[in-house]
Amino acid sequence: MSEKHVETNEAVERIQGFWARFQKPLLIVLAVVIVGGGGWYAYKQYIVKPKEEKAAEAIFKAEQYFAMDSSRLVLNGDGQNRGVLYVISNYGGTRAAELAHYYAGVSYLKLGDFNNAVKYLKDFSTDAKQIQLMAYGCLGDAYSELNKKEDAIASYKKAAAAFEDDEANSAEYLFRAGLLAETSGNTQQALELYKELKDKYPQTDKGLQADKYIYRLSIEKN
């Protein structure tokens, strides 16, 4: 028997020995991967997807009421259709429930319930930059009404930075941050915010007004 043949037999024996020792563990791992993948697909297809669809149906009428500024109906529904508070309680983890936090926060703000407005807006997050801008801005308004000025200024600044392509709203919230800082006695912060407003949004309504606020606070005459 040649040396090459002997080496080949030894290699085969080593492979067979390895397979004999690790066959069961490898098959278990493979089964777990297959079952796990199938389980995840089934979970997404038969649990998550139907829940998302039901949540979207449940929030549909509340969204219409939100567009009509019918805040109480947004929150509690109309007797036949559910409100956003129901969606939040029963469809947690869905996109509709997350958006329902925004609708709830803004509705409570309009109703003058500022604590609940903060409750629903402070942890709200979305990839839709326009909505995120408005959520931060409304949160700033709620904090301002509660006399939590530092929190309000921080929220206004977040609103201004959330979607700078929306120059009108970004300028508006930057102005509110500056004005609140000024009335709180923090003139240096206010001056910096007014200058940022002028630099970033010079053609907006608030940007065009920035000079007079800068002039009022700055040692240097405009």
N, C-alpha and C. Protein backbone atom coordinates (compact mmCIF):
# COMPACT_ATOMS: atom_id res chain seq x y z
N MET A 1 0.85 -1.20 0.00
CA MET A 1 0.00 0.00 0.00
C MET A 1 0.88 1.24 0.00
N SER A 2 0.57 2.17 -0.87
CA SER A 2 1.42 3.36 -0.98
C SER A 2 1.18 4.30 0.20
N GLU A 3 2.20 5.17 0.43
CA GLU A 3 2.09 6.13 1.52
C GLU A 3 0.91 7.08 1.28
N LYS A 4 0.68 7.44 0.01
CA LYS A 4 -0.40 8.35 -0.32
C LYS A 4 -1.74 7.74 0.05
N HIS A 5 -1.90 6.42 -0.21
CA HIS A 5 -3.15 5.73 0.10
C HIS A 5 -3.37 5.68 1.60
N VAL A 6 -2.29 5.44 2.33
CA VAL A 6 -2.36 5.39 3.79
C VAL A 6 -2.80 6.73 4.35
N GLU A 7 -2.21 7.82 3.83
CA GLU A 7 -2.55 9.18 4.30
C GLU A 7 -4.02 9.49 4.01
N THR A 8 -4.50 9.03 2.85
CA THR A 8 -5.90 9.27 2.49
C THR A 8 -6.83 8.56 3.45
N ASN A 9 -6.51 7.30 3.79
CA ASN A 9 -7.33 6.54 4.73
C ASN A 9 -7.36 7.20 6.11
N GLU A 10 -6.18 7.68 6.52
CA GLU A 10 -6.10 8.33 7.82
C GLU A 10 -6.95 9.60 7.85
N ALA A 11 -6.94 10.35 6.74
CA ALA A 11 -7.74 11.58 6.67
C ALA A 11 -9.22 11.26 6.74
N VAL A 12 -9.61 10.18 6.03
CA VAL A 12 -11.02 9.77 6.05
C VAL A 12 -11.44 9.35 7.44
N GLU A 13 -10.55 8.60 8.11
CA GLU A 13 -10.84 8.15 9.47
C GLU A 13 -10.99 9.32 10.44
N ARG A 14 -10.12 10.34 10.23
CA ARG A 14 -10.21 11.51 11.11
C ARG A 14 -11.55 12.24 10.92
N ILE A 15 -11.96 12.35 9.65
CA ILE A 15 -13.24 13.01 9.36
C ILE A 15 -14.40 12.22 9.94
N GLN A 16 -14.33 10.90 9.78
CA GLN A 16 -15.39 10.05 10.32
C GLN A 16 -15.44 10.13 11.84
N GLY A 17 -14.26 10.16 12.44
CA GLY A 17 -14.20 10.27 13.90
C GLY A 17 -14.78 11.58 14.38
N PHE A 18 -14.45 12.66 13.67
CA PHE A 18 -14.97 13.99 14.03
C PHE A 18 -16.49 13.98 13.93
N TRP A 19 -16.99 13.45 12.80
CA TRP A 19 -18.44 13.42 12.59
C TRP A 19 -19.14 12.58 13.64
N ALA A 20 -18.53 11.43 14.02
CA ALA A 20 -19.12 10.58 15.03
C ALA A 20 -19.25 11.30 16.37
N ARG A 21 -18.21 12.11 16.69
CA ARG A 21 -18.21 12.81 17.98
C ARG A 21 -19.14 14.02 17.99
N PHE A 22 -19.23 14.73 16.85
CA PHE A 22 -19.94 16.01 16.86
C PHE A 22 -21.23 16.00 16.03
N GLN A 23 -21.59 14.81 15.53
CA GLN A 23 -22.79 14.75 14.69
C GLN A 23 -24.04 15.25 15.42
N LYS A 24 -24.26 14.76 16.63
CA LYS A 24 -25.46 15.12 17.38
C LYS A 24 -25.51 16.61 17.73
N PRO A 25 -24.41 17.17 18.31
CA PRO A 25 -24.44 18.61 18.60
C PRO A 25 -24.66 19.47 17.37
N LEU A 26 -24.01 19.08 16.24
CA LEU A 26 -24.16 19.87 15.02
C LEU A 26 -25.59 19.82 14.50
N LEU A 27 -26.19 18.66 14.56
CA LEU A 27 -27.58 18.53 14.11
C LEU A 27 -28.52 19.32 15.00
N ILE A 28 -28.25 19.35 16.29
CA ILE A 28 -29.08 20.13 17.22
C ILE A 28 -28.99 21.62 16.90
N VAL A 29 -27.74 22.09 16.69
CA VAL A 29 -27.54 23.50 16.35
C VAL A 29 -28.27 23.85 15.06
N LEU A 30 -28.15 22.96 14.05
CA LEU A 30 -28.80 23.19 12.77
C LEU A 30 -30.32 23.24 12.94
N ALA A 31 -30.84 22.34 13.76
CA ALA A 31 -32.28 22.31 13.99
C ALA A 31 -32.75 23.59 14.68
N VAL A 32 -31.96 24.04 15.65
CA VAL A 32 -32.31 25.28 16.37
C VAL A 32 -32.36 26.46 15.42
N VAL A 33 -31.36 26.53 14.51
CA VAL A 33 -31.31 27.63 13.53
C VAL A 33 -32.53 27.59 12.63
N ILE A 34 -32.86 26.39 12.13
CA ILE A 34 -34.00 26.25 11.21
C ILE A 34 -35.31 26.58 11.92
N VAL A 35 -35.49 25.98 13.11
CA VAL A 35 -36.73 26.21 13.87
C VAL A 35 -36.83 27.66 14.31
N GLY A 36 -35.68 28.19 14.76
CA GLY A 36 -35.67 29.58 15.21
C GLY A 36 -36.03 30.53 14.09
N GLY A 37 -35.44 30.30 12.92
CA GLY A 37 -35.76 31.15 11.77
C GLY A 37 -37.21 31.04 11.37
N GLY A 38 -37.70 29.82 11.37
CA GLY A 38 -39.11 29.61 11.04
C GLY A 38 -40.02 30.20 12.09
N GLY A 39 -39.61 30.08 13.36
CA GLY A 39 -40.40 30.64 14.45
C GLY A 39 -40.47 32.15 14.36
N TRP A 40 -39.34 32.77 14.04
CA TRP A 40 -39.31 34.23 13.91
C TRP A 40 -40.21 34.69 12.75
N TYR A 41 -40.14 33.96 11.65
CA TYR A 41 -40.99 34.30 10.50
C TYR A 41 -42.46 34.16 10.88
N ALA A 42 -42.79 33.07 11.56
CA ALA A 42 -44.18 32.83 11.96
C ALA A 42 -44.65 33.92 12.93
N TYR A 43 -43.76 34.31 13.85
CA TYR A 43 -44.09 35.37 14.81
C TYR A 43 -44.40 36.68 14.09
N LYS A 44 -43.53 37.03 13.14
CA LYS A 44 -43.72 38.28 12.41
C LYS A 44 -44.97 38.22 11.54
N GLN A 45 -45.20 37.08 10.91
CA GLN A 45 -46.27 36.94 9.94
C GLN A 45 -47.64 36.79 10.60
N TYR A 46 -47.70 36.04 11.70
CA TYR A 46 -49.00 35.68 12.26
C TYR A 46 -49.33 36.40 13.57
N ILE A 47 -48.37 37.10 14.14
CA ILE A 47 -48.64 37.83 15.39
C ILE A 47 -48.42 39.33 15.19
N VAL A 48 -47.20 39.68 14.75
CA VAL A 48 -46.87 41.10 14.61
C VAL A 48 -47.70 41.78 13.52
N LYS A 49 -47.74 41.17 12.35
CA LYS A 49 -48.44 41.79 11.22
C LYS A 49 -49.93 42.01 11.50
N PRO A 50 -50.67 40.98 11.99
CA PRO A 50 -52.09 41.22 12.30
C PRO A 50 -52.29 42.28 13.37
N LYS A 51 -51.38 42.31 14.37
CA LYS A 51 -51.49 43.32 15.42
C LYS A 51 -51.30 44.72 14.85
N GLU A 52 -50.33 44.88 13.96
CA GLU A 52 -50.10 46.17 13.31
C GLU A 52 -51.33 46.60 12.52
N GLU A 53 -51.93 45.64 11.81
CA GLU A 53 -53.10 45.96 10.99
C GLU A 53 -54.28 46.37 11.85
N LYS A 54 -54.50 45.66 12.97
CA LYS A 54 -55.61 46.01 13.86
C LYS A 54 -55.37 47.37 14.52
N ALA A 55 -54.12 47.65 14.87
CA ALA A 55 -53.79 48.94 15.48
C ALA A 55 -54.03 50.07 14.49
N ALA A 56 -53.65 49.86 13.24
CA ALA A 56 -53.86 50.88 12.20
C ALA A 56 -55.35 51.14 12.00
N GLU A 57 -56.16 50.09 12.05
CA GLU A 57 -57.60 50.25 11.92
C GLU A 57 -58.17 51.01 13.12
N ALA A 58 -57.66 50.68 14.31
CA ALA A 58 -58.17 51.29 15.53
C ALA A 58 -57.87 52.79 15.60
N ILE A 59 -56.75 53.20 15.04
CA ILE A 59 -56.35 54.60 15.15
C ILE A 59 -56.88 55.46 14.01
N PHE A 60 -57.45 54.84 13.01
CA PHE A 60 -57.85 55.56 11.78
C PHE A 60 -58.79 56.72 12.08
N LYS A 61 -59.86 56.48 12.82
CA LYS A 61 -60.84 57.53 13.10
C LYS A 61 -60.24 58.61 13.99
N ALA A 62 -59.39 58.21 14.94
CA ALA A 62 -58.75 59.19 15.82
C ALA A 62 -57.87 60.15 15.03
N GLU A 63 -57.23 59.64 13.99
CA GLU A 63 -56.41 60.50 13.13
C GLU A 63 -57.28 61.54 12.42
N GLN A 64 -58.47 61.14 12.02
CA GLN A 64 -59.39 62.08 11.39
C GLN A 64 -59.82 63.17 12.37
N TYR A 65 -60.10 62.75 13.61
CA TYR A 65 -60.47 63.73 14.63
C TYR A 65 -59.30 64.65 14.97
N PHE A 66 -58.09 64.13 14.90
CA PHE A 66 -56.90 64.95 15.16
C PHE A 66 -56.80 66.06 14.10
N ALA A 67 -57.06 65.71 12.86
CA ALA A 67 -57.02 66.70 11.78
C ALA A 67 -58.11 67.75 11.95
N MET A 68 -59.17 67.39 12.67
CA MET A 68 -60.29 68.32 12.91
C MET A 68 -60.14 69.08 14.23
N ASP A 69 -59.03 68.86 14.95
CA ASP A 69 -58.81 69.49 16.25
C ASP A 69 -59.86 69.12 17.29
N SER A 70 -60.40 67.93 17.18
CA SER A 70 -61.36 67.45 18.17
C SER A 70 -60.61 66.62 19.21
N SER A 71 -59.95 67.31 20.12
CA SER A 71 -58.98 66.67 21.00
C SER A 71 -59.57 65.60 21.91
N ARG A 72 -60.75 65.85 22.47
CA ARG A 72 -61.34 64.85 23.37
C ARG A 72 -61.71 63.57 22.61
N LEU A 73 -62.20 63.73 21.39
CA LEU A 73 -62.52 62.57 20.57
C LEU A 73 -61.26 61.83 20.15
N VAL A 74 -60.19 62.56 19.94
CA VAL A 74 -58.90 61.92 19.63
C VAL A 74 -58.50 61.01 20.78
N LEU A 75 -58.64 61.51 21.98
CA LEU A 75 -58.19 60.76 23.16
C LEU A 75 -59.09 59.57 23.49
N ASN A 76 -60.41 59.82 23.50
CA ASN A 76 -61.33 58.81 24.05
C ASN A 76 -62.26 58.17 23.04
N GLY A 77 -62.22 58.63 21.80
CA GLY A 77 -63.12 58.07 20.81
C GLY A 77 -64.50 58.70 20.89
N ASP A 78 -65.41 58.19 20.05
CA ASP A 78 -66.74 58.78 19.95
C ASP A 78 -67.86 57.83 20.38
N GLY A 79 -67.48 56.75 21.05
CA GLY A 79 -68.49 55.76 21.46
C GLY A 79 -68.56 54.58 20.52
N GLN A 80 -68.31 54.85 19.26
CA GLN A 80 -68.29 53.76 18.26
C GLN A 80 -66.87 53.44 17.83
N ASN A 81 -66.05 54.47 17.79
CA ASN A 81 -64.65 54.30 17.39
C ASN A 81 -63.74 54.60 18.58
N ARG A 82 -62.64 53.86 18.66
CA ARG A 82 -61.72 54.01 19.78
C ARG A 82 -60.84 55.25 19.63
N GLY A 83 -60.36 55.74 20.78
CA GLY A 83 -59.42 56.85 20.78
C GLY A 83 -57.99 56.35 20.91
N VAL A 84 -57.06 57.29 20.92
CA VAL A 84 -55.64 56.91 20.94
C VAL A 84 -55.22 56.30 22.28
N LEU A 85 -55.91 56.65 23.36
CA LEU A 85 -55.55 56.05 24.65
C LEU A 85 -55.80 54.54 24.64
N TYR A 86 -56.85 54.13 23.96
CA TYR A 86 -57.13 52.70 23.80
C TYR A 86 -56.05 52.03 22.96
N VAL A 87 -55.64 52.68 21.90
CA VAL A 87 -54.60 52.14 21.03
C VAL A 87 -53.30 51.96 21.80
N ILE A 88 -52.95 52.95 22.61
CA ILE A 88 -51.72 52.86 23.41
C ILE A 88 -51.79 51.70 24.39
N SER A 89 -52.95 51.53 25.03
CA SER A 89 -53.10 50.48 26.05
C SER A 89 -53.15 49.08 25.45
N ASN A 90 -53.69 48.94 24.25
CA ASN A 90 -53.96 47.61 23.71
C ASN A 90 -53.05 47.18 22.56
N TYR A 91 -52.30 48.12 22.00
CA TYR A 91 -51.46 47.77 20.86
C TYR A 91 -50.03 48.26 21.04
N GLY A 92 -49.54 48.14 22.27
CA GLY A 92 -48.17 48.56 22.55
C GLY A 92 -47.15 47.86 21.66
N GLY A 93 -46.15 48.61 21.23
CA GLY A 93 -45.11 48.04 20.37
C GLY A 93 -45.39 48.19 18.89
N THR A 94 -46.59 48.64 18.54
CA THR A 94 -46.90 48.84 17.13
C THR A 94 -46.58 50.27 16.71
N ARG A 95 -46.47 50.47 15.42
CA ARG A 95 -46.22 51.82 14.91
C ARG A 95 -47.38 52.76 15.23
N ALA A 96 -48.59 52.22 15.17
CA ALA A 96 -49.77 53.03 15.46
C ALA A 96 -49.77 53.49 16.92
N ALA A 97 -49.38 52.60 17.82
CA ALA A 97 -49.35 52.97 19.24
C ALA A 97 -48.30 54.04 19.51
N GLU A 98 -47.17 53.95 18.81
CA GLU A 98 -46.12 54.97 18.97
C GLU A 98 -46.65 56.32 18.48
N LEU A 99 -47.28 56.34 17.34
CA LEU A 99 -47.84 57.57 16.80
C LEU A 99 -48.97 58.09 17.69
N ALA A 100 -49.69 57.16 18.32
CA ALA A 100 -50.77 57.55 19.23
C ALA A 100 -50.24 58.38 20.40
N HIS A 101 -49.01 58.15 20.82
CA HIS A 101 -48.40 58.96 21.88
C HIS A 101 -48.30 60.43 21.43
N TYR A 102 -47.95 60.63 20.19
CA TYR A 102 -47.87 62.00 19.65
C TYR A 102 -49.25 62.65 19.64
N TYR A 103 -50.23 61.94 19.10
CA TYR A 103 -51.58 62.48 19.05
C TYR A 103 -52.10 62.79 20.46
N ALA A 104 -51.83 61.89 21.39
CA ALA A 104 -52.29 62.09 22.77
C ALA A 104 -51.62 63.31 23.39
N GLY A 105 -50.30 63.42 23.23
CA GLY A 105 -49.57 64.54 23.82
C GLY A 105 -50.03 65.89 23.30
N VAL A 106 -50.20 65.98 21.98
CA VAL A 106 -50.65 67.24 21.38
C VAL A 106 -52.08 67.55 21.80
N SER A 107 -52.93 66.54 21.88
CA SER A 107 -54.32 66.75 22.28
C SER A 107 -54.40 67.24 23.73
N TYR A 108 -53.62 66.63 24.61
CA TYR A 108 -53.61 67.09 25.99
C TYR A 108 -53.08 68.52 26.10
N LEU A 109 -52.10 68.86 25.28
CA LEU A 109 -51.57 70.23 25.27
C LEU A 109 -52.67 71.22 24.90
N LYS A 110 -53.45 70.89 23.88
CA LYS A 110 -54.54 71.77 23.44
C LYS A 110 -55.63 71.89 24.50
N LEU A 111 -55.80 70.84 25.30
CA LEU A 111 -56.81 70.85 26.35
C LEU A 111 -56.31 71.51 27.64
N GLY A 112 -55.01 71.87 27.66
CA GLY A 112 -54.45 72.52 28.84
C GLY A 112 -53.99 71.56 29.92
N ASP A 113 -53.96 70.27 29.61
CA ASP A 113 -53.47 69.27 30.56
C ASP A 113 -51.98 69.05 30.27
N PHE A 114 -51.15 69.93 30.83
CA PHE A 114 -49.74 69.97 30.43
C PHE A 114 -48.92 68.79 30.99
N ASN A 115 -49.31 68.29 32.14
CA ASN A 115 -48.59 67.13 32.69
C ASN A 115 -48.77 65.91 31.81
N ASN A 116 -49.98 65.68 31.36
CA ASN A 116 -50.22 64.55 30.46
C ASN A 116 -49.59 64.78 29.09
N ALA A 117 -49.54 66.03 28.67
CA ALA A 117 -48.87 66.34 27.41
C ALA A 117 -47.40 65.93 27.48
N VAL A 118 -46.75 66.27 28.59
CA VAL A 118 -45.35 65.88 28.79
C VAL A 118 -45.23 64.36 28.86
N LYS A 119 -46.14 63.74 29.57
CA LYS A 119 -46.10 62.27 29.75
C LYS A 119 -46.06 61.54 28.41
N TYR A 120 -46.87 61.98 27.48
CA TYR A 120 -46.97 61.26 26.21
C TYR A 120 -45.97 61.73 25.15
N LEU A 121 -45.45 62.94 25.30
CA LEU A 121 -44.54 63.46 24.29
C LEU A 121 -43.06 63.22 24.61
N LYS A 122 -42.72 63.11 25.89
CA LYS A 122 -41.29 63.12 26.25
C LYS A 122 -40.53 61.92 25.73
N ASP A 123 -41.18 60.78 25.60
CA ASP A 123 -40.49 59.58 25.11
C ASP A 123 -40.86 59.24 23.67
N PHE A 124 -41.62 60.12 23.04
CA PHE A 124 -42.03 59.85 21.66
C PHE A 124 -40.84 60.01 20.72
N SER A 125 -40.74 59.08 19.78
CA SER A 125 -39.64 59.13 18.81
C SER A 125 -40.12 58.57 17.47
N THR A 126 -39.73 59.24 16.40
CA THR A 126 -40.10 58.77 15.06
C THR A 126 -39.02 59.15 14.06
N ASP A 127 -38.96 58.41 12.98
CA ASP A 127 -38.03 58.72 11.89
C ASP A 127 -38.58 59.82 10.99
N ALA A 128 -39.85 60.13 11.15
CA ALA A 128 -40.47 61.20 10.36
C ALA A 128 -40.05 62.54 10.97
N LYS A 129 -39.10 63.19 10.34
CA LYS A 129 -38.48 64.38 10.95
C LYS A 129 -39.45 65.52 11.18
N GLN A 130 -40.39 65.70 10.28
CA GLN A 130 -41.36 66.79 10.43
C GLN A 130 -42.19 66.59 11.70
N ILE A 131 -42.63 65.35 11.92
CA ILE A 131 -43.44 65.06 13.11
C ILE A 131 -42.58 65.16 14.36
N GLN A 132 -41.33 64.70 14.29
CA GLN A 132 -40.45 64.79 15.45
C GLN A 132 -40.20 66.24 15.83
N LEU A 133 -40.02 67.09 14.83
CA LEU A 133 -39.86 68.52 15.10
C LEU A 133 -41.06 69.06 15.88
N MET A 134 -42.26 68.76 15.41
CA MET A 134 -43.46 69.27 16.07
C MET A 134 -43.64 68.67 17.47
N ALA A 135 -43.25 67.41 17.63
CA ALA A 135 -43.35 66.78 18.95
C ALA A 135 -42.44 67.48 19.96
N TYR A 136 -41.20 67.74 19.57
CA TYR A 136 -40.29 68.47 20.46
C TYR A 136 -40.82 69.87 20.76
N GLY A 137 -41.36 70.52 19.73
CA GLY A 137 -41.88 71.87 19.93
C GLY A 137 -43.06 71.89 20.90
N CYS A 138 -43.97 70.95 20.74
CA CYS A 138 -45.12 70.86 21.64
C CYS A 138 -44.68 70.50 23.05
N LEU A 139 -43.68 69.65 23.15
CA LEU A 139 -43.14 69.30 24.46
C LEU A 139 -42.56 70.55 25.12
N GLY A 140 -41.86 71.38 24.34
CA GLY A 140 -41.34 72.64 24.86
C GLY A 140 -42.46 73.53 25.36
N ASP A 141 -43.57 73.61 24.62
CA ASP A 141 -44.71 74.42 25.04
C ASP A 141 -45.28 73.92 26.37
N ALA A 142 -45.39 72.58 26.50
CA ALA A 142 -45.94 72.01 27.73
C ALA A 142 -45.03 72.31 28.92
N TYR A 143 -43.73 72.13 28.74
CA TYR A 143 -42.78 72.43 29.81
C TYR A 143 -42.84 73.92 30.17
N SER A 144 -42.97 74.77 29.16
CA SER A 144 -43.04 76.20 29.41
C SER A 144 -44.26 76.55 30.26
N GLU A 145 -45.39 75.94 29.94
CA GLU A 145 -46.61 76.18 30.70
C GLU A 145 -46.48 75.69 32.15
N LEU A 146 -45.66 74.66 32.34
CA LEU A 146 -45.43 74.13 33.70
C LEU A 146 -44.31 74.89 34.42
N ASN A 147 -43.81 75.94 33.76
CA ASN A 147 -42.73 76.77 34.29
C ASN A 147 -41.42 76.00 34.46
N LYS A 148 -41.25 74.94 33.68
CA LYS A 148 -39.99 74.20 33.66
C LYS A 148 -39.17 74.74 32.50
N LYS A 149 -38.57 75.90 32.75
CA LYS A 149 -37.99 76.68 31.67
C LYS A 149 -36.78 76.02 31.03
N GLU A 150 -35.91 75.41 31.81
CA GLU A 150 -34.73 74.76 31.24
C GLU A 150 -35.13 73.60 30.34
N ASP A 151 -36.11 72.81 30.80
CA ASP A 151 -36.60 71.70 29.97
C ASP A 151 -37.25 72.22 28.70
N ALA A 152 -37.97 73.33 28.84
CA ALA A 152 -38.63 73.92 27.67
C ALA A 152 -37.60 74.40 26.65
N ILE A 153 -36.58 75.09 27.11
CA ILE A 153 -35.54 75.58 26.20
C ILE A 153 -34.84 74.42 25.49
N ALA A 154 -34.53 73.38 26.26
CA ALA A 154 -33.87 72.20 25.67
C ALA A 154 -34.75 71.57 24.60
N SER A 155 -36.05 71.49 24.85
CA SER A 155 -36.97 70.89 23.88
C SER A 155 -37.11 71.77 22.64
N TYR A 156 -37.16 73.08 22.83
CA TYR A 156 -37.24 73.99 21.69
C TYR A 156 -35.99 73.87 20.81
N LYS A 157 -34.85 73.74 21.44
CA LYS A 157 -33.61 73.61 20.68
C LYS A 157 -33.59 72.30 19.90
N LYS A 158 -34.11 71.23 20.51
CA LYS A 158 -34.21 69.96 19.80
C LYS A 158 -35.15 70.09 18.61
N ALA A 159 -36.25 70.81 18.81
CA ALA A 159 -37.21 71.01 17.72
C ALA A 159 -36.54 71.75 16.56
N ALA A 160 -35.78 72.78 16.89
CA ALA A 160 -35.12 73.58 15.85
C ALA A 160 -34.10 72.76 15.06
N ALA A 161 -33.50 71.77 15.72
CA ALA A 161 -32.45 70.97 15.07
C ALA A 161 -32.99 69.70 14.41
N ALA A 162 -34.25 69.35 14.68
CA ALA A 162 -34.78 68.06 14.22
C ALA A 162 -34.95 67.98 12.70
N PHE A 163 -35.35 69.09 12.09
CA PHE A 163 -35.60 69.08 10.65
C PHE A 163 -35.37 70.49 10.12
N GLU A 164 -34.12 70.83 9.89
CA GLU A 164 -33.76 72.20 9.56
C GLU A 164 -34.25 72.63 8.18
N ASP A 165 -34.66 71.66 7.35
CA ASP A 165 -35.22 72.02 6.04
C ASP A 165 -36.55 72.77 6.20
N ASP A 166 -37.22 72.52 7.30
CA ASP A 166 -38.44 73.26 7.59
C ASP A 166 -38.02 74.55 8.30
N GLU A 167 -37.63 75.52 7.52
CA GLU A 167 -37.03 76.72 8.07
C GLU A 167 -37.99 77.53 8.95
N ALA A 168 -39.24 77.60 8.54
CA ALA A 168 -40.21 78.41 9.28
C ALA A 168 -40.40 77.89 10.71
N ASN A 169 -40.64 76.59 10.83
CA ASN A 169 -40.86 76.02 12.16
C ASN A 169 -39.56 75.95 12.97
N SER A 170 -38.46 75.64 12.31
CA SER A 170 -37.17 75.59 13.01
C SER A 170 -36.83 76.97 13.57
N ALA A 171 -37.06 78.00 12.77
CA ALA A 171 -36.81 79.37 13.23
C ALA A 171 -37.74 79.75 14.38
N GLU A 172 -38.99 79.34 14.27
CA GLU A 172 -39.97 79.65 15.32
C GLU A 172 -39.54 79.07 16.66
N TYR A 173 -39.10 77.82 16.68
CA TYR A 173 -38.74 77.19 17.95
C TYR A 173 -37.40 77.69 18.48
N LEU A 174 -36.51 78.05 17.58
CA LEU A 174 -35.25 78.66 18.01
C LEU A 174 -35.53 80.02 18.66
N PHE A 175 -36.48 80.76 18.08
CA PHE A 175 -36.88 82.04 18.65
C PHE A 175 -37.51 81.85 20.03
N ARG A 176 -38.38 80.85 20.15
CA ARG A 176 -39.01 80.60 21.45
C ARG A 176 -37.97 80.25 22.50
N ALA A 177 -36.97 79.49 22.11
CA ALA A 177 -35.89 79.14 23.04
C ALA A 177 -35.16 80.40 23.49
N GLY A 178 -34.85 81.28 22.52
CA GLY A 178 -34.15 82.51 22.84
C GLY A 178 -34.97 83.42 23.73
N LEU A 179 -36.24 83.57 23.42
CA LEU A 179 -37.11 84.45 24.19
C LEU A 179 -37.28 83.94 25.62
N LEU A 180 -37.43 82.62 25.76
CA LEU A 180 -37.58 82.04 27.10
C LEU A 180 -36.29 82.18 27.91
N ALA A 181 -35.15 82.00 27.24
CA ALA A 181 -33.86 82.20 27.92
C ALA A 181 -33.73 83.66 28.38
N GLU A 182 -34.15 84.58 27.52
CA GLU A 182 -34.06 86.00 27.86
C GLU A 182 -34.95 86.35 29.05
N THR A 183 -36.19 85.89 29.03
CA THR A 183 -37.11 86.21 30.12
C THR A 183 -36.75 85.47 31.41
N SER A 184 -35.92 84.43 31.28
CA SER A 184 -35.44 83.72 32.47
C SER A 184 -34.19 84.38 33.06
N GLY A 185 -33.68 85.41 32.39
CA GLY A 185 -32.51 86.12 32.88
C GLY A 185 -31.20 85.61 32.33
N ASN A 186 -31.25 84.60 31.45
CA ASN A 186 -30.01 84.06 30.87
C ASN A 186 -29.74 84.78 29.56
N THR A 187 -29.26 86.01 29.66
CA THR A 187 -29.09 86.85 28.48
C THR A 187 -28.01 86.34 27.53
N GLN A 188 -26.97 85.72 28.07
CA GLN A 188 -25.91 85.21 27.21
C GLN A 188 -26.43 84.08 26.32
N GLN A 189 -27.16 83.15 26.92
CA GLN A 189 -27.75 82.06 26.13
C GLN A 189 -28.74 82.61 25.11
N ALA A 190 -29.53 83.58 25.54
CA ALA A 190 -30.51 84.19 24.63
C ALA A 190 -29.82 84.84 23.45
N LEU A 191 -28.73 85.56 23.72
CA LEU A 191 -27.99 86.23 22.66
C LEU A 191 -27.44 85.23 21.65
N GLU A 192 -26.91 84.12 22.15
CA GLU A 192 -26.37 83.08 21.28
C GLU A 192 -27.48 82.47 20.41
N LEU A 193 -28.65 82.28 20.99
CA LEU A 193 -29.76 81.68 20.25
C LEU A 193 -30.29 82.65 19.19
N TYR A 194 -30.36 83.93 19.51
CA TYR A 194 -30.81 84.91 18.53
C TYR A 194 -29.82 85.01 17.36
N LYS A 195 -28.53 84.94 17.69
CA LYS A 195 -27.52 85.00 16.63
C LYS A 195 -27.59 83.76 15.74
N GLU A 196 -27.83 82.60 16.37
CA GLU A 196 -28.00 81.37 15.59
C GLU A 196 -29.21 81.48 14.68
N LEU A 197 -30.28 82.05 15.21
CA LEU A 197 -31.49 82.26 14.44
C LEU A 197 -31.21 83.14 13.22
N LYS A 198 -30.51 84.23 13.43
CA LYS A 198 -30.18 85.14 12.33
C LYS A 198 -29.29 84.47 11.28
N ASP A 199 -28.30 83.69 11.74
CA ASP A 199 -27.36 83.04 10.82
C ASP A 199 -28.01 81.94 10.00
N LYS A 200 -28.84 81.14 10.65
CA LYS A 200 -29.40 79.96 9.98
C LYS A 200 -30.64 80.26 9.14
N TYR A 201 -31.47 81.17 9.65
CA TYR A 201 -32.76 81.38 8.99
C TYR A 201 -33.01 82.87 8.75
N PRO A 202 -32.12 83.53 8.03
CA PRO A 202 -32.21 84.99 7.86
C PRO A 202 -33.45 85.45 7.08
N GLN A 203 -34.00 84.58 6.24
CA GLN A 203 -35.13 84.99 5.40
C GLN A 203 -36.49 84.64 6.00
N THR A 204 -36.50 84.00 7.16
CA THR A 204 -37.79 83.68 7.79
C THR A 204 -38.30 84.89 8.56
N ASP A 205 -39.56 84.83 8.93
CA ASP A 205 -40.17 85.93 9.69
C ASP A 205 -39.40 86.20 10.98
N LYS A 206 -39.10 85.13 11.72
CA LYS A 206 -38.39 85.29 12.99
C LYS A 206 -36.92 85.67 12.75
N GLY A 207 -36.35 85.17 11.68
CA GLY A 207 -34.97 85.52 11.36
C GLY A 207 -34.81 86.99 11.04
N LEU A 208 -35.82 87.56 10.39
CA LEU A 208 -35.79 88.98 10.05
C LEU A 208 -35.94 89.86 11.28
N GLN A 209 -36.52 89.31 12.33
CA GLN A 209 -36.70 90.07 13.57
C GLN A 209 -35.52 89.93 14.53
N ALA A 210 -34.62 89.03 14.22
CA ALA A 210 -33.56 88.69 15.18
C ALA A 210 -32.68 89.88 15.55
N ASP A 211 -32.43 90.74 14.60
CA ASP A 211 -31.52 91.87 14.85
C ASP A 211 -31.95 92.73 16.04
N LYS A 212 -33.24 92.98 16.14
CA LYS A 212 -33.68 93.88 17.22
C LYS A 212 -33.48 93.24 18.60
N TYR A 213 -33.57 91.90 18.66
CA TYR A 213 -33.33 91.22 19.93
C TYR A 213 -31.84 91.16 20.24
N ILE A 214 -31.04 90.97 19.20
CA ILE A 214 -29.58 90.98 19.37
C ILE A 214 -29.13 92.37 19.82
N TYR A 215 -29.68 93.37 19.19
CA TYR A 215 -29.33 94.76 19.52
C TYR A 215 -29.65 95.07 20.98
N ARG A 216 -30.80 94.57 21.42
CA ARG A 216 -31.24 94.85 22.78
C ARG A 216 -30.31 94.22 23.82
N LEU A 217 -29.75 93.07 23.48
CA LEU A 217 -28.96 92.33 24.46
C LEU A 217 -27.45 92.54 24.31
N SER A 218 -27.04 92.92 23.12
CA SER A 218 -25.60 92.99 22.85
C SER A 218 -25.00 94.33 23.25
N ILE A 219 -23.75 94.30 23.70
CA ILE A 219 -23.03 95.55 24.03
C ILE A 219 -22.76 96.28 22.72
N GLU A 220 -22.48 95.48 21.70
CA GLU A 220 -22.15 96.05 20.39
C GLU A 220 -23.43 96.50 19.70
N LYS A 221 -23.46 97.73 19.25
CA LYS A 221 -24.63 98.22 18.55
C LYS A 221 -24.68 97.57 17.18
N ASN A 222 -25.92 97.34 16.74
CA ASN A 222 -26.07 96.69 15.45
C ASN A 222 -25.76 97.70 14.34
